[in-house]
Amino acid sequence: MITGMGLFAALVAISVIDIRTRRIPDLLSLSLMCAGLIQAAWAVQRGAAPTVLTDSIIGAASGYLVFAAIGAAFFRMRGQEGLGLGDAKLLAAAGAWLGWQMLPAVVLIAALGGLAQMAVAGRLWPARAADRSLAFGPWLALAFFSLWILTAR
């Protein structure tokens, strides 16, 4: 219960900051990642399968590396940032908490949420459709927390 409240509070803070500044603070995302790894190690200590910690480590590493690579490729192709390292660190935190197996679901849910936001915004404010910037952190946070609630291991 307390773990969930802490996770929720950190994800809300990340979302608000990302919406306002288009930045995700390292202090919050990296703290979440460490907390997820610690939680997995603690679960193993309490008798969970050793793969829980392995899945969390792989989740954190692959979450970061996949988004960092996508962001770097987009920057090379377009010359502007499209997916920042803050999003990569937040996905790494999700991987630490949920394990690598849940990362595709996190990305899918977040992408569908962001796509829906852009579609609705384009319909309601067509004059602003040229500004296609989107704070993706809140969508990652929503997907992360929703899946954590559903799978709480």
Protein backbone atom coordinates (compact mmCIF):
# COMPACT_ATOMS: atom_id res chain seq x y z
CA MET A 1 0.00 0.00 0.00
CA ILE A 2 2.72 2.47 0.99
CA THR A 3 4.81 1.37 -1.99
CA GLY A 4 1.90 2.11 -4.31
CA MET A 5 1.32 5.52 -2.77
CA GLY A 6 4.98 6.43 -3.19
CA LEU A 7 4.99 5.22 -6.78
CA PHE A 8 1.79 7.14 -7.51
CA ALA A 9 3.12 10.36 -5.94
CA ALA A 10 6.38 10.16 -7.91
CA LEU A 11 4.56 9.48 -11.19
CA VAL A 12 2.14 12.36 -10.62
CA ALA A 13 5.10 14.68 -9.90
CA ILE A 14 6.87 13.48 -13.05
CA SER A 15 3.71 14.03 -15.10
CA VAL A 16 3.10 17.56 -13.82
CA ILE A 17 6.73 18.58 -14.33
CA ASP A 18 6.84 17.06 -17.82
CA ILE A 19 3.63 18.81 -18.87
CA ARG A 20 4.97 22.16 -17.64
CA THR A 21 8.59 21.93 -18.75
CA ARG A 22 8.85 19.01 -21.23
CA ARG A 23 11.54 17.60 -18.94
CA ILE A 24 11.54 14.64 -16.56
CA PRO A 25 13.84 15.16 -13.59
CA ASP A 26 16.56 12.55 -13.22
CA LEU A 27 16.12 12.63 -9.45
CA LEU A 28 12.60 11.26 -9.77
CA SER A 29 13.04 8.81 -12.63
CA LEU A 30 16.33 7.35 -11.42
CA SER A 31 15.01 7.13 -7.85
CA LEU A 32 12.03 5.17 -9.17
CA MET A 33 14.33 2.88 -11.11
CA CYS A 34 16.46 2.18 -8.03
CA ALA A 35 13.33 1.62 -5.92
CA GLY A 36 12.05 -0.89 -8.46
CA LEU A 37 15.32 -2.81 -8.39
CA ILE A 38 15.38 -2.75 -4.59
CA GLN A 39 11.79 -3.96 -4.48
CA ALA A 40 12.66 -6.86 -6.81
CA ALA A 41 15.70 -7.79 -4.68
CA TRP A 42 13.52 -7.67 -1.57
CA ALA A 43 10.94 -9.92 -3.23
CA VAL A 44 13.67 -12.47 -3.93
CA GLN A 45 14.76 -12.27 -0.28
CA ARG A 46 11.17 -13.03 0.75
CA GLY A 47 11.09 -16.14 -1.42
CA ALA A 48 10.18 -14.97 -4.90
CA ALA A 49 11.88 -16.66 -7.81
CA PRO A 50 15.38 -15.28 -8.54
CA THR A 51 14.16 -14.42 -12.03
CA VAL A 52 12.17 -11.52 -10.55
CA LEU A 53 15.38 -9.57 -9.97
CA THR A 54 16.84 -10.65 -13.32
CA ASP A 55 13.66 -9.55 -15.12
CA SER A 56 13.84 -6.16 -13.36
CA ILE A 57 17.48 -5.62 -14.27
CA ILE A 58 16.84 -6.58 -17.90
CA GLY A 59 13.71 -4.37 -17.88
CA ALA A 60 15.59 -1.34 -16.61
CA ALA A 61 18.44 -1.76 -19.08
CA SER A 62 16.31 -2.54 -22.12
CA GLY A 63 13.75 0.16 -21.32
CA TYR A 64 16.48 2.78 -21.29
CA LEU A 65 18.42 1.46 -24.27
CA VAL A 66 15.43 1.05 -26.59
CA PHE A 67 14.07 4.57 -26.02
CA ALA A 68 17.54 6.14 -26.05
CA ALA A 69 18.24 4.47 -29.41
CA ILE A 70 14.89 5.61 -30.85
CA GLY A 71 15.52 9.15 -29.60
CA ALA A 72 19.03 9.20 -31.07
CA ALA A 73 17.79 7.88 -34.43
CA PHE A 74 15.03 10.50 -34.56
CA PHE A 75 17.52 13.26 -33.74
CA ARG A 76 19.87 12.07 -36.49
CA MET A 77 17.05 11.97 -39.03
CA ARG A 78 15.25 15.20 -38.09
CA GLY A 79 17.85 17.30 -36.33
CA GLN A 80 15.57 17.87 -33.34
CA GLU A 81 14.74 16.02 -30.19
CA GLY A 82 11.65 13.85 -30.49
CA LEU A 83 12.03 11.48 -27.57
CA GLY A 84 14.19 12.62 -24.71
CA LEU A 85 16.37 10.71 -22.32
CA GLY A 86 13.92 11.52 -19.53
CA ASP A 87 11.39 9.29 -21.27
CA ALA A 88 14.06 6.60 -21.60
CA LYS A 89 14.83 6.80 -17.88
CA LEU A 90 11.14 6.65 -17.02
CA LEU A 91 10.73 3.55 -19.20
CA ALA A 92 13.78 2.09 -17.42
CA ALA A 93 11.99 2.69 -14.12
CA ALA A 94 8.91 0.94 -15.48
CA GLY A 95 11.10 -1.98 -16.52
CA ALA A 96 12.61 -2.16 -13.05
CA TRP A 97 9.18 -2.28 -11.41
CA LEU A 98 7.34 -4.44 -13.93
CA GLY A 99 10.04 -6.56 -15.56
CA TRP A 100 11.05 -6.54 -19.21
CA GLN A 101 8.04 -8.58 -20.29
CA MET A 102 5.63 -5.70 -19.57
CA LEU A 103 7.56 -3.02 -21.47
CA PRO A 104 5.79 -3.56 -24.82
CA ALA A 105 2.44 -3.12 -23.06
CA VAL A 106 3.66 0.06 -21.32
CA VAL A 107 4.81 1.54 -24.64
CA LEU A 108 1.63 0.47 -26.46
CA ILE A 109 -0.72 1.96 -23.86
CA ALA A 110 1.32 5.17 -23.64
CA ALA A 111 1.52 5.52 -27.43
CA LEU A 112 -2.24 4.99 -27.83
CA GLY A 113 -2.90 7.60 -25.15
CA GLY A 114 -0.58 10.11 -26.79
CA LEU A 115 -2.08 9.41 -30.21
CA ALA A 116 -5.59 9.94 -28.84
CA GLN A 117 -4.49 13.20 -27.24
CA MET A 118 -3.04 14.46 -30.52
CA ALA A 119 -6.16 13.44 -32.46
CA VAL A 120 -8.50 15.18 -30.03
CA ALA A 121 -6.30 18.27 -29.84
CA GLY A 122 -6.15 18.44 -33.63
CA ARG A 123 -9.92 18.35 -33.83
CA LEU A 124 -10.56 20.87 -31.06
CA TRP A 125 -7.76 23.30 -31.91
CA PRO A 126 -6.89 22.88 -35.60
CA ALA A 127 -4.98 26.17 -35.68
CA ARG A 128 -2.54 24.74 -33.13
CA ALA A 129 -2.13 21.44 -34.98
CA ALA A 130 1.23 22.62 -36.34
CA ASP A 131 2.62 22.49 -32.80
CA ARG A 132 2.94 18.75 -32.49
CA SER A 133 4.83 18.63 -29.23
CA LEU A 134 3.55 16.16 -26.70
CA ALA A 135 4.61 15.49 -23.15
CA PHE A 136 4.97 11.71 -23.38
CA GLY A 137 5.97 11.26 -19.73
CA PRO A 138 2.41 11.47 -18.39
CA TRP A 139 1.29 8.75 -20.79
CA LEU A 140 4.22 6.55 -19.80
CA ALA A 141 3.42 7.22 -16.15
CA LEU A 142 -0.26 6.32 -16.61
CA ALA A 143 0.58 3.10 -18.44
CA PHE A 144 3.29 2.22 -15.90
CA PHE A 145 1.03 2.73 -12.88
CA SER A 146 -1.98 1.03 -14.47
CA LEU A 147 0.02 -2.08 -15.28
CA TRP A 148 1.65 -2.08 -11.88
CA ILE A 149 -1.81 -2.04 -10.26
CA LEU A 150 -2.93 -4.91 -12.47
CA THR A 151 0.15 -7.05 -11.91
CA ALA A 152 1.41 -5.91 -8.47
CA ARG A 153 3.98 -8.56 -7.82
